Amino acid sequence: MNANLVDDIANAVLYEGYMLYPYRLSAVKNRQRWNFGVLYPRAFADSQQGADRWSMQTECLVRTAGSDGTVHVRVRFLQLMERSVEEQAPQGWQEGKEREVSIHGLHLSAITFQPAERQFQFAGGFESDESISRRVSQIDGVVNVEAQELENGLFRVLIQVLNTRETSDGSFSSREQALMQSLASAHTIVEVEGGEFISMIDPPERYGEAVAQCKNLGTWPVLVGEPGERNMMLSSPIILYDYPQIAPESAGALFDGTEIDEILTLRIMTLTDEEKVEMRHGDEHARQILERTELMPPEQLMKMHGALRRFRRAVQETP
């Protein structure tokens, strides 16, 4: 398993839509968040009459060969922090702090009879450095993992992620308040030892009915890693195919939905000096994008100017 490949794909999901060109914090579209996979507190989600989610559910199939398989689950998301003191960038910008909740060593035979539950909490408060203070609100949640043996050696694994954060009066004054207590860009990475996952997109015919009965809500699991590997799945709020890859000519993440690296890179190069100052002194990720663009050698830019790829043979799972 190529761990770096999986991490690169997962981080692309985590930060997709984090900020948009022109990457200035003063731009209106960068003052209103639209991350994929947002799990709001239940009271707020219920008040929106189904327009927003407070939970996500992954169901997938694991096949073992005679012995009990072991499942490892990682739930990742961003906890948003709001700048409260700022000198060189506008007020109201929300930065994201990476969070992870892990449950390791779950034996399929054990969670078939006794579901696993992990409650988690990330406390609120203030963080500060020399020039910026940030306010973060408390987040509470639960991860539930269950398994059901459908036939000898075939298990259906269910993973639920719930935002259980409550307020004292049970209500939220605004979407912004609810967003500060939400799980942003939530997704799940599932790994199995002693077994393999069944593709949810192109399963062997004998497993087609079992795959169709799996219920995935707000997320969808795909195989990740090198083509042909079946020991890890990424359950993403963004629709992906099995074995997604980062384009080799990409110099780094640009976070913009449906991004075209060459166009965005050229646009960054045309920013004015004043715009670059704001970009450099804004979010840390924006500064990294600017510095990477300014130091980009011409041959790297030319790699983005169109790429011809060969068709690849679909990977067929053995029955």
C-alpha atoms as a PDB file:
ATOM      1  CA  MET A   1       0.000   0.000   0.000  1.00  0.00           C
ATOM      2  CA  ASN A   2       1.335   3.414  -1.034  1.00  0.00           C
ATOM      3  CA  ALA A   3       0.503   5.456   2.084  1.00  0.00           C
ATOM      4  CA  ASN A   4       1.557   8.745   0.469  1.00  0.00           C
ATOM      5  CA  LEU A   5      -0.826   8.164  -2.450  1.00  0.00           C
ATOM      6  CA  VAL A   6      -3.755   7.570  -0.096  1.00  0.00           C
ATOM      7  CA  ASP A   7      -2.858  10.588   2.058  1.00  0.00           C
ATOM      8  CA  ASP A   8      -2.609  12.838  -1.009  1.00  0.00           C
ATOM      9  CA  ILE A   9      -6.091  11.839  -2.183  1.00  0.00           C
ATOM     10  CA  ALA A  10      -7.574  12.188   1.320  1.00  0.00           C
ATOM     11  CA  ASN A  11      -6.024  15.647   1.767  1.00  0.00           C
ATOM     12  CA  ALA A  12      -7.391  16.736  -1.613  1.00  0.00           C
ATOM     13  CA  VAL A  13     -10.854  15.842  -0.293  1.00  0.00           C
ATOM     14  CA  LEU A  14     -10.172  17.519   3.048  1.00  0.00           C
ATOM     15  CA  TYR A  15      -9.231  20.870   1.488  1.00  0.00           C
ATOM     16  CA  GLU A  16     -11.401  20.942  -1.644  1.00  0.00           C
ATOM     17  CA  GLY A  17     -13.155  24.324  -1.651  1.00  0.00           C
ATOM     18  CA  TYR A  18     -11.127  25.562   1.337  1.00  0.00           C
ATOM     19  CA  MET A  19     -10.426  28.825  -0.512  1.00  0.00           C
ATOM     20  CA  LEU A  20     -11.020  30.051  -4.042  1.00  0.00           C
ATOM     21  CA  TYR A  21      -9.164  32.177  -6.553  1.00  0.00           C
ATOM     22  CA  PRO A  22      -8.125  35.014  -6.177  1.00  0.00           C
ATOM     23  CA  TYR A  23      -7.183  33.605  -2.720  1.00  0.00           C
ATOM     24  CA  ARG A  24      -7.661  36.988  -1.084  1.00  0.00           C
ATOM     25  CA  LEU A  25      -9.457  36.964   2.239  1.00  0.00           C
ATOM     26  CA  SER A  26     -11.295  40.156   1.252  1.00  0.00           C
ATOM     27  CA  ALA A  27     -12.942  38.410  -1.734  1.00  0.00           C
ATOM     28  CA  VAL A  28     -16.635  37.807  -0.977  1.00  0.00           C
ATOM     29  CA  LYS A  29     -16.519  34.188  -2.116  1.00  0.00           C
ATOM     30  CA  ASN A  30     -13.727  33.542   0.400  1.00  0.00           C
ATOM     31  CA  ARG A  31     -15.754  34.997   3.271  1.00  0.00           C
ATOM     32  CA  GLN A  32     -18.547  32.444   2.851  1.00  0.00           C
ATOM     33  CA  ARG A  33     -17.645  28.795   3.340  1.00  0.00           C
ATOM     34  CA  TRP A  34     -18.951  26.035   1.106  1.00  0.00           C
ATOM     35  CA  ASN A  35     -16.886  22.986   2.090  1.00  0.00           C
ATOM     36  CA  PHE A  36     -18.102  19.593   0.963  1.00  0.00           C
ATOM     37  CA  GLY A  37     -19.138  17.108   3.621  1.00  0.00           C
ATOM     38  CA  VAL A  38     -20.255  19.506   6.365  1.00  0.00           C
ATOM     39  CA  LEU A  39     -21.935  17.840   9.355  1.00  0.00           C
ATOM     40  CA  TYR A  40     -23.840  20.486  11.303  1.00  0.00           C
ATOM     41  CA  PRO A  41     -25.123  20.103  14.885  1.00  0.00           C
ATOM     42  CA  ARG A  42     -28.338  18.094  14.810  1.00  0.00           C
ATOM     43  CA  ALA A  43     -30.594  20.890  16.107  1.00  0.00           C
ATOM     44  CA  PHE A  44     -29.502  23.183  13.278  1.00  0.00           C
ATOM     45  CA  ALA A  45     -29.723  20.485  10.605  1.00  0.00           C
ATOM     46  CA  ASP A  46     -33.234  19.531  11.739  1.00  0.00           C
ATOM     47  CA  SER A  47     -34.302  23.191  11.564  1.00  0.00           C
ATOM     48  CA  GLN A  48     -33.285  23.290   7.882  1.00  0.00           C
ATOM     49  CA  GLN A  49     -35.846  20.609   6.991  1.00  0.00           C
ATOM     50  CA  GLY A  50     -33.354  18.183   5.520  1.00  0.00           C
ATOM     51  CA  ALA A  51     -31.307  20.720   3.545  1.00  0.00           C
ATOM     52  CA  ASP A  52     -28.261  20.112   5.756  1.00  0.00           C
ATOM     53  CA  ARG A  53     -26.817  16.967   7.304  1.00  0.00           C
ATOM     54  CA  TRP A  54     -25.805  16.168  10.883  1.00  0.00           C
ATOM     55  CA  SER A  55     -24.698  12.591  10.145  1.00  0.00           C
ATOM     56  CA  MET A  56     -23.064  10.546   7.422  1.00  0.00           C
ATOM     57  CA  GLN A  57     -23.133   6.797   6.868  1.00  0.00           C
ATOM     58  CA  THR A  58     -20.807   4.448   5.035  1.00  0.00           C
ATOM     59  CA  GLU A  59     -21.656   0.836   4.206  1.00  0.00           C
ATOM     60  CA  CYS A  60     -19.257  -1.401   2.330  1.00  0.00           C
ATOM     61  CA  LEU A  61     -18.448  -5.087   1.895  1.00  0.00           C
ATOM     62  CA  VAL A  62     -15.400  -6.938   3.203  1.00  0.00           C
ATOM     63  CA  ARG A  63     -14.448 -10.421   2.107  1.00  0.00           C
ATOM     64  CA  THR A  64     -12.183 -12.551   4.327  1.00  0.00           C
ATOM     65  CA  ALA A  65     -10.498 -15.860   3.599  1.00  0.00           C
ATOM     66  CA  GLY A  66     -11.226 -18.195   6.471  1.00  0.00           C
ATOM     67  CA  SER A  67      -9.910 -16.056   9.319  1.00  0.00           C
ATOM     68  CA  ASP A  68     -11.335 -13.036  11.065  1.00  0.00           C
ATOM     69  CA  GLY A  69     -10.375  -9.744   9.460  1.00  0.00           C
ATOM     70  CA  THR A  70      -9.430  -6.603  11.374  1.00  0.00           C
ATOM     71  CA  VAL A  71     -10.771  -3.155  10.501  1.00  0.00           C
ATOM     72  CA  HIS A  72      -9.165   0.221  11.189  1.00  0.00           C
ATOM     73  CA  VAL A  73     -11.255   3.398  10.874  1.00  0.00           C
ATOM     74  CA  ARG A  74     -10.102   7.014  10.614  1.00  0.00           C
ATOM     75  CA  VAL A  75     -12.571   9.911  10.458  1.00  0.00           C
ATOM     76  CA  ARG A  76     -10.993  13.198   9.342  1.00  0.00           C
ATOM     77  CA  PHE A  77     -12.430  16.705   9.139  1.00  0.00           C
ATOM     78  CA  LEU A  78     -11.650  20.387   9.602  1.00  0.00           C
ATOM     79  CA  GLN A  79     -12.610  22.268  12.754  1.00  0.00           C
ATOM     80  CA  LEU A  80     -13.091  25.906  11.803  1.00  0.00           C
ATOM     81  CA  MET A  81     -11.441  28.711  13.754  1.00  0.00           C
ATOM     82  CA  GLU A  82     -12.434  32.360  13.435  1.00  0.00           C
ATOM     83  CA  ARG A  83      -9.869  35.152  13.530  1.00  0.00           C
ATOM     84  CA  SER A  84     -10.739  37.572  16.308  1.00  0.00           C
ATOM     85  CA  VAL A  85      -7.696  39.869  16.108  1.00  0.00           C
ATOM     86  CA  GLU A  86      -5.968  40.644  12.841  1.00  0.00           C
ATOM     87  CA  GLU A  87      -3.670  43.351  11.579  1.00  0.00           C
ATOM     88  CA  GLN A  88      -2.978  42.653   7.915  1.00  0.00           C
ATOM     89  CA  ALA A  89      -6.016  40.646   6.807  1.00  0.00           C
ATOM     90  CA  PRO A  90      -9.784  41.238   7.012  1.00  0.00           C
ATOM     91  CA  GLN A  91     -11.844  40.223  10.004  1.00  0.00           C
ATOM     92  CA  GLY A  92     -14.148  37.230   9.829  1.00  0.00           C
ATOM     93  CA  TRP A  93     -11.899  34.752   8.042  1.00  0.00           C
ATOM     94  CA  GLN A  94     -12.291  31.127   9.154  1.00  0.00           C
ATOM     95  CA  GLU A  95      -9.249  28.888   9.151  1.00  0.00           C
ATOM     96  CA  GLY A  96      -9.422  25.120   9.291  1.00  0.00           C
ATOM     97  CA  LYS A  97      -7.661  22.912  11.832  1.00  0.00           C
ATOM     98  CA  GLU A  98      -7.177  19.273  10.884  1.00  0.00           C
ATOM     99  CA  ARG A  99      -8.840  16.772  13.216  1.00  0.00           C
ATOM    100  CA  GLU A 100      -8.847  12.978  13.242  1.00  0.00           C
ATOM    101  CA  VAL A 101     -10.730  10.349  15.225  1.00  0.00           C
ATOM    102  CA  SER A 102      -9.316   6.820  14.996  1.00  0.00           C
ATOM    103  CA  ILE A 103     -10.597   3.401  15.992  1.00  0.00           C
ATOM    104  CA  HIS A 104      -8.037   0.661  15.422  1.00  0.00           C
ATOM    105  CA  GLY A 105      -8.034  -3.101  15.757  1.00  0.00           C
ATOM    106  CA  LEU A 106     -11.736  -3.890  15.356  1.00  0.00           C
ATOM    107  CA  HIS A 107     -12.199  -7.616  14.712  1.00  0.00           C
ATOM    108  CA  LEU A 108     -15.067  -8.248  12.316  1.00  0.00           C
ATOM    109  CA  SER A 109     -16.387 -11.211  14.292  1.00  0.00           C
ATOM    110  CA  ALA A 110     -16.449  -9.112  17.478  1.00  0.00           C
ATOM    111  CA  ILE A 111     -18.238  -6.048  16.070  1.00  0.00           C
ATOM    112  CA  THR A 112     -20.740  -8.362  14.382  1.00  0.00           C
ATOM    113  CA  PHE A 113     -22.131  -9.038  17.847  1.00  0.00           C
ATOM    114  CA  GLN A 114     -20.958  -5.949  19.750  1.00  0.00           C
ATOM    115  CA  PRO A 115     -20.892  -2.649  17.767  1.00  0.00           C
ATOM    116  CA  ALA A 116     -18.016  -0.292  18.553  1.00  0.00           C
ATOM    117  CA  GLU A 117     -18.701   3.306  19.594  1.00  0.00           C
ATOM    118  CA  ARG A 118     -16.224   6.140  20.008  1.00  0.00           C
ATOM    119  CA  GLN A 119     -17.324   9.479  21.444  1.00  0.00           C
ATOM    120  CA  PHE A 120     -15.054  12.425  20.743  1.00  0.00           C
ATOM    121  CA  GLN A 121     -14.788  16.053  21.765  1.00  0.00           C
ATOM    122  CA  PHE A 122     -12.568  18.910  20.644  1.00  0.00           C
ATOM    123  CA  ALA A 123     -12.696  21.748  23.129  1.00  0.00           C
ATOM    124  CA  GLY A 124     -13.350  25.402  22.359  1.00  0.00           C
ATOM    125  CA  GLY A 125     -11.288  28.387  23.401  1.00  0.00           C
ATOM    126  CA  PHE A 126      -8.767  30.868  22.047  1.00  0.00           C
ATOM    127  CA  GLU A 127      -5.450  30.334  20.324  1.00  0.00           C
ATOM    128  CA  SER A 128      -2.995  33.116  19.552  1.00  0.00           C
ATOM    129  CA  ASP A 129       0.424  33.814  18.114  1.00  0.00           C
ATOM    130  CA  GLU A 130       2.330  37.056  17.734  1.00  0.00           C
ATOM    131  CA  SER A 131      -0.153  38.785  15.438  1.00  0.00           C
ATOM    132  CA  ILE A 132      -3.368  36.751  15.236  1.00  0.00           C
ATOM    133  CA  SER A 133      -5.853  35.381  17.748  1.00  0.00           C
ATOM    134  CA  ARG A 134      -8.336  32.682  16.835  1.00  0.00           C
ATOM    135  CA  ARG A 135     -11.558  31.558  18.470  1.00  0.00           C
ATOM    136  CA  VAL A 136     -12.645  27.958  18.210  1.00  0.00           C
ATOM    137  CA  SER A 137     -15.961  26.462  19.371  1.00  0.00           C
ATOM    138  CA  GLN A 138     -16.407  23.058  20.958  1.00  0.00           C
ATOM    139  CA  ILE A 139     -17.286  20.073  18.781  1.00  0.00           C
ATOM    140  CA  ASP A 140     -18.889  16.862  20.045  1.00  0.00           C
ATOM    141  CA  GLY A 141     -19.458  13.739  18.016  1.00  0.00           C
ATOM    142  CA  VAL A 142     -19.765   9.982  17.852  1.00  0.00           C
ATOM    143  CA  VAL A 143     -18.368   7.345  15.511  1.00  0.00           C
ATOM    144  CA  ASN A 144     -20.290   4.050  15.399  1.00  0.00           C
ATOM    145  CA  VAL A 145     -18.933   0.930  13.693  1.00  0.00           C
ATOM    146  CA  GLU A 146     -21.022  -2.199  13.123  1.00  0.00           C
ATOM    147  CA  ALA A 147     -20.572  -5.365  11.095  1.00  0.00           C
ATOM    148  CA  GLN A 148     -22.941  -8.047   9.843  1.00  0.00           C
ATOM    149  CA  GLU A 149     -21.840 -11.383   8.389  1.00  0.00           C
ATOM    150  CA  LEU A 150     -23.953 -11.905   5.271  1.00  0.00           C
ATOM    151  CA  GLU A 151     -22.446 -15.293   4.465  1.00  0.00           C
ATOM    152  CA  ASN A 152     -19.349 -17.213   5.424  1.00  0.00           C
ATOM    153  CA  GLY A 153     -16.446 -14.775   5.070  1.00  0.00           C
ATOM    154  CA  LEU A 154     -18.520 -11.851   3.694  1.00  0.00           C
ATOM    155  CA  PHE A 155     -19.243  -8.923   5.999  1.00  0.00           C
ATOM    156  CA  ARG A 156     -21.162  -5.688   5.578  1.00  0.00           C
ATOM    157  CA  VAL A 157     -19.429  -2.941   7.555  1.00  0.00           C
ATOM    158  CA  LEU A 158     -21.372   0.156   8.647  1.00  0.00           C
ATOM    159  CA  ILE A 159     -19.703   3.358   9.872  1.00  0.00           C
ATOM    160  CA  GLN A 160     -21.737   6.314  11.119  1.00  0.00           C
ATOM    161  CA  VAL A 161     -20.350   9.744  11.986  1.00  0.00           C
ATOM    162  CA  LEU A 162     -22.672  11.957  14.050  1.00  0.00           C
ATOM    163  CA  ASN A 163     -22.380  15.575  15.163  1.00  0.00           C
ATOM    164  CA  THR A 164     -23.937  15.542  18.644  1.00  0.00           C
ATOM    165  CA  ARG A 165     -23.086  19.119  19.643  1.00  0.00           C
ATOM    166  CA  GLU A 166     -25.896  20.872  21.548  1.00  0.00           C
ATOM    167  CA  THR A 167     -26.408  24.413  22.789  1.00  0.00           C
ATOM    168  CA  SER A 168     -27.895  25.406  26.116  1.00  0.00           C
ATOM    169  CA  ASP A 169     -31.204  26.491  24.526  1.00  0.00           C
ATOM    170  CA  GLY A 170     -31.168  23.891  21.746  1.00  0.00           C
ATOM    171  CA  SER A 171     -31.026  26.435  18.903  1.00  0.00           C
ATOM    172  CA  PHE A 172     -28.525  28.310  16.745  1.00  0.00           C
ATOM    173  CA  SER A 173     -28.833  31.993  15.891  1.00  0.00           C
ATOM    174  CA  SER A 174     -27.279  31.657  12.430  1.00  0.00           C
ATOM    175  CA  ARG A 175     -25.641  29.304   9.981  1.00  0.00           C
ATOM    176  CA  GLU A 176     -22.290  30.879  10.826  1.00  0.00           C
ATOM    177  CA  GLN A 177     -22.710  29.968  14.487  1.00  0.00           C
ATOM    178  CA  ALA A 178     -23.655  26.399  13.548  1.00  0.00           C
ATOM    179  CA  LEU A 179     -20.748  26.137  11.099  1.00  0.00           C
ATOM    180  CA  MET A 180     -18.254  26.937  13.855  1.00  0.00           C
ATOM    181  CA  GLN A 181     -19.485  23.821  15.676  1.00  0.00           C
ATOM    182  CA  SER A 182     -19.568  21.599  12.597  1.00  0.00           C
ATOM    183  CA  LEU A 183     -17.370  18.943  11.063  1.00  0.00           C
ATOM    184  CA  ALA A 184     -16.224  20.419   7.736  1.00  0.00           C
ATOM    185  CA  SER A 185     -15.002  18.256   4.837  1.00  0.00           C
ATOM    186  CA  ALA A 186     -15.721  15.106   6.847  1.00  0.00           C
ATOM    187  CA  HIS A 187     -14.619  11.826   5.296  1.00  0.00           C
ATOM    188  CA  THR A 188     -13.650   8.327   6.406  1.00  0.00           C
ATOM    189  CA  ILE A 189     -10.680   6.103   5.624  1.00  0.00           C
ATOM    190  CA  VAL A 190     -11.221   2.381   6.254  1.00  0.00           C
ATOM    191  CA  GLU A 191      -8.477  -0.249   6.157  1.00  0.00           C
ATOM    192  CA  VAL A 192      -8.788  -4.009   6.520  1.00  0.00           C
ATOM    193  CA  GLU A 193      -6.183  -6.603   7.479  1.00  0.00           C
ATOM    194  CA  GLY A 194      -6.829 -10.246   6.699  1.00  0.00           C
ATOM    195  CA  GLY A 195      -9.394  -9.425   4.057  1.00  0.00           C
ATOM    196  CA  GLU A 196     -10.271  -7.231   1.096  1.00  0.00           C
ATOM    197  CA  PHE A 197     -12.978  -4.776   0.117  1.00  0.00           C
ATOM    198  CA  ILE A 198     -15.460  -5.337  -2.691  1.00  0.00           C
ATOM    199  CA  SER A 199     -15.683  -2.492  -5.211  1.00  0.00           C
ATOM    200  CA  MET A 200     -18.934  -0.570  -4.741  1.00  0.00           C
ATOM    201  CA  ILE A 201     -18.729   0.664  -8.342  1.00  0.00           C
ATOM    202  CA  ASP A 202     -17.818  -2.482 -10.251  1.00  0.00           C
ATOM    203  CA  PRO A 203     -18.388  -5.506  -8.009  1.00  0.00           C
ATOM    204  CA  PRO A 204     -18.201  -9.132  -9.183  1.00  0.00           C
ATOM    205  CA  GLU A 205     -21.623 -10.303 -10.331  1.00  0.00           C
ATOM    206  CA  ARG A 206     -22.162 -12.602  -7.351  1.00  0.00           C
ATOM    207  CA  TYR A 207     -21.909  -9.619  -4.967  1.00  0.00           C
ATOM    208  CA  GLY A 208     -24.058  -7.220  -6.989  1.00  0.00           C
ATOM    209  CA  GLU A 209     -27.186  -7.650  -4.866  1.00  0.00           C
ATOM    210  CA  ALA A 210     -25.281  -7.240  -1.591  1.00  0.00           C
ATOM    211  CA  VAL A 211     -23.651  -4.058  -2.881  1.00  0.00           C
ATOM    212  CA  ALA A 212     -27.040  -2.675  -3.963  1.00  0.00           C
ATOM    213  CA  GLN A 213     -28.375  -3.156  -0.440  1.00  0.00           C
ATOM    214  CA  CYS A 214     -25.615  -1.026   1.124  1.00  0.00           C
ATOM    215  CA  LYS A 215     -26.834   2.430   2.191  1.00  0.00           C
ATOM    216  CA  ASN A 216     -24.364   5.291   1.881  1.00  0.00           C
ATOM    217  CA  LEU A 217     -25.658   8.646   3.091  1.00  0.00           C
ATOM    218  CA  GLY A 218     -23.752  11.868   2.408  1.00  0.00           C
ATOM    219  CA  THR A 219     -20.659   9.957   1.345  1.00  0.00           C
ATOM    220  CA  TRP A 220     -19.510   7.204  -1.021  1.00  0.00           C
ATOM    221  CA  PRO A 221     -16.702   4.639  -0.555  1.00  0.00           C
ATOM    222  CA  VAL A 222     -14.163   3.942  -3.301  1.00  0.00           C
ATOM    223  CA  LEU A 223     -11.047   1.795  -3.410  1.00  0.00           C
ATOM    224  CA  VAL A 224      -7.817   3.740  -2.958  1.00  0.00           C
ATOM    225  CA  GLY A 225      -4.147   2.907  -3.404  1.00  0.00           C
ATOM    226  CA  GLU A 226      -2.424   1.352  -6.370  1.00  0.00           C
ATOM    227  CA  PRO A 227      -4.828  -0.182  -8.930  1.00  0.00           C
ATOM    228  CA  GLY A 228      -5.586  -3.724  -7.899  1.00  0.00           C
ATOM    229  CA  GLU A 229      -5.114  -3.188  -4.162  1.00  0.00           C
ATOM    230  CA  ARG A 230      -8.264  -3.797  -2.137  1.00  0.00           C
ATOM    231  CA  ASN A 231      -7.307  -3.295   1.498  1.00  0.00           C
ATOM    232  CA  MET A 232      -8.308   0.370   1.838  1.00  0.00           C
ATOM    233  CA  MET A 233     -11.330   2.533   1.062  1.00  0.00           C
ATOM    234  CA  LEU A 234     -11.914   6.268   1.145  1.00  0.00           C
ATOM    235  CA  SER A 235     -15.505   7.255   1.854  1.00  0.00           C
ATOM    236  CA  SER A 236     -15.747  10.729   0.382  1.00  0.00           C
ATOM    237  CA  PRO A 237     -18.486  13.401   0.155  1.00  0.00           C
ATOM    238  CA  ILE A 238     -17.098  14.116  -3.326  1.00  0.00           C
ATOM    239  CA  ILE A 239     -17.981  11.595  -6.033  1.00  0.00           C
ATOM    240  CA  LEU A 240     -14.859   9.675  -7.077  1.00  0.00           C
ATOM    241  CA  TYR A 241     -14.010   6.566  -9.063  1.00  0.00           C
ATOM    242  CA  ASP A 242     -12.042   3.623  -7.699  1.00  0.00           C
ATOM    243  CA  TYR A 243      -8.319   4.390  -7.430  1.00  0.00           C
ATOM    244  CA  PRO A 244      -8.434   8.179  -7.844  1.00  0.00           C
ATOM    245  CA  GLN A 245      -5.067   9.809  -8.482  1.00  0.00           C
ATOM    246  CA  ILE A 246      -3.508  13.244  -8.322  1.00  0.00           C
ATOM    247  CA  ALA A 247      -2.412  14.385 -11.803  1.00  0.00           C
ATOM    248  CA  PRO A 248       1.391  13.931 -11.933  1.00  0.00           C
ATOM    249  CA  GLU A 249       1.875  17.330 -13.602  1.00  0.00           C
ATOM    250  CA  SER A 250       0.145  19.143 -10.707  1.00  0.00           C
ATOM    251  CA  ALA A 251       2.599  21.184  -8.642  1.00  0.00           C
ATOM    252  CA  GLY A 252       0.344  21.221  -5.582  1.00  0.00           C
ATOM    253  CA  ALA A 253      -3.164  21.800  -4.304  1.00  0.00           C
ATOM    254  CA  LEU A 254      -5.052  24.917  -5.385  1.00  0.00           C
ATOM    255  CA  PHE A 255      -8.235  24.057  -3.411  1.00  0.00           C
ATOM    256  CA  ASP A 256     -10.566  25.567  -6.035  1.00  0.00           C
ATOM    257  CA  GLY A 257     -13.473  23.283  -7.056  1.00  0.00           C
ATOM    258  CA  THR A 258     -13.045  21.822 -10.564  1.00  0.00           C
ATOM    259  CA  GLU A 259      -9.649  23.505 -10.638  1.00  0.00           C
ATOM    260  CA  ILE A 260      -7.575  23.692 -13.807  1.00  0.00           C
ATOM    261  CA  ASP A 261      -4.004  24.049 -12.590  1.00  0.00           C
ATOM    262  CA  GLU A 262      -2.615  25.909 -15.589  1.00  0.00           C
ATOM    263  CA  ILE A 263      -5.341  28.553 -15.677  1.00  0.00           C
ATOM    264  CA  LEU A 264      -5.227  29.216 -11.935  1.00  0.00           C
ATOM    265  CA  THR A 265      -1.424  29.336 -11.918  1.00  0.00           C
ATOM    266  CA  LEU A 266      -1.354  31.883 -14.758  1.00  0.00           C
ATOM    267  CA  ARG A 267      -3.988  33.977 -12.991  1.00  0.00           C
ATOM    268  CA  ILE A 268      -1.950  34.011  -9.777  1.00  0.00           C
ATOM    269  CA  MET A 269       1.032  35.236 -11.768  1.00  0.00           C
ATOM    270  CA  THR A 270      -1.005  38.228 -12.979  1.00  0.00           C
ATOM    271  CA  LEU A 271      -2.068  39.398  -9.504  1.00  0.00           C
ATOM    272  CA  THR A 272      -0.977  42.922  -8.586  1.00  0.00           C
ATOM    273  CA  ASP A 273       1.668  43.535  -5.933  1.00  0.00           C
ATOM    274  CA  GLU A 274      -1.055  44.699  -3.519  1.00  0.00           C
ATOM    275  CA  GLU A 275      -3.089  41.536  -4.135  1.00  0.00           C
ATOM    276  CA  LYS A 276      -0.022  39.367  -3.550  1.00  0.00           C
ATOM    277  CA  VAL A 277       0.685  41.140  -0.260  1.00  0.00           C
ATOM    278  CA  GLU A 278      -2.840  40.348   0.920  1.00  0.00           C
ATOM    279  CA  MET A 279      -2.490  36.757  -0.249  1.00  0.00           C
ATOM    280  CA  ARG A 280       0.887  36.375   1.457  1.00  0.00           C
ATOM    281  CA  HIS A 281      -0.299  37.784   4.786  1.00  0.00           C
ATOM    282  CA  GLY A 282      -3.621  35.972   4.798  1.00  0.00           C
ATOM    283  CA  ASP A 283      -4.132  32.263   5.271  1.00  0.00           C
ATOM    284  CA  GLU A 284      -1.014  30.080   5.542  1.00  0.00           C
ATOM    285  CA  HIS A 285      -2.235  27.877   2.704  1.00  0.00           C
ATOM    286  CA  ALA A 286      -2.623  30.934   0.446  1.00  0.00           C
ATOM    287  CA  ARG A 287       0.950  31.981   1.243  1.00  0.00           C
ATOM    288  CA  GLN A 288       2.215  28.519   0.264  1.00  0.00           C
ATOM    289  CA  ILE A 289       0.326  28.662  -3.046  1.00  0.00           C
ATOM    290  CA  LEU A 290       1.819  32.080  -3.857  1.00  0.00           C
ATOM    291  CA  GLU A 291       5.379  31.083  -2.971  1.00  0.00           C
ATOM    292  CA  ARG A 292       5.119  27.836  -4.948  1.00  0.00           C
ATOM    293  CA  THR A 293       3.822  29.746  -7.980  1.00  0.00           C
ATOM    294  CA  GLU A 294       6.487  32.443  -7.833  1.00  0.00           C
ATOM    295  CA  LEU A 295       9.258  29.826  -7.604  1.00  0.00           C
ATOM    296  CA  MET A 296       7.818  27.533 -10.278  1.00  0.00           C
ATOM    297  CA  PRO A 297      10.353  26.771 -13.048  1.00  0.00           C
ATOM    298  CA  PRO A 298       9.160  27.201 -16.671  1.00  0.00           C
ATOM    299  CA  GLU A 299       9.375  23.454 -17.373  1.00  0.00           C
ATOM    300  CA  GLN A 300       6.902  22.747 -14.542  1.00  0.00           C
ATOM    301  CA  LEU A 301       4.421  25.227 -16.019  1.00  0.00           C
ATOM    302  CA  MET A 302       4.772  23.617 -19.442  1.00  0.00           C
ATOM    303  CA  LYS A 303       3.840  20.221 -17.966  1.00  0.00           C
ATOM    304  CA  MET A 304       0.397  21.646 -17.184  1.00  0.00           C
ATOM    305  CA  HIS A 305      -0.169  22.706 -20.778  1.00  0.00           C
ATOM    306  CA  GLY A 306      -2.203  19.696 -21.796  1.00  0.00           C
ATOM    307  CA  ALA A 307      -1.551  16.046 -21.014  1.00  0.00           C
ATOM    308  CA  LEU A 308      -2.437  13.049 -23.167  1.00  0.00           C
ATOM    309  CA  ARG A 309      -3.261   9.952 -21.138  1.00  0.00           C
ATOM    310  CA  ARG A 310      -3.724   6.406 -22.307  1.00  0.00           C
ATOM    311  CA  PHE A 311      -6.909   4.537 -21.608  1.00  0.00           C
ATOM    312  CA  ARG A 312      -6.438   2.086 -18.777  1.00  0.00           C
ATOM    313  CA  ARG A 313      -7.953  -1.346 -18.511  1.00  0.00           C
ATOM    314  CA  ALA A 314     -10.696  -1.643 -15.911  1.00  0.00           C
ATOM    315  CA  VAL A 315      -9.619  -3.796 -12.968  1.00  0.00           C
ATOM    316  CA  GLN A 316     -11.848  -6.863 -12.761  1.00  0.00           C
ATOM    317  CA  GLU A 317     -12.236  -8.440  -9.357  1.00  0.00           C
ATOM    318  CA  THR A 318     -12.017 -12.206  -9.147  1.00  0.00           C
ATOM    319  CA  PRO A 319     -15.308 -13.868  -8.105  1.00  0.00           C
END
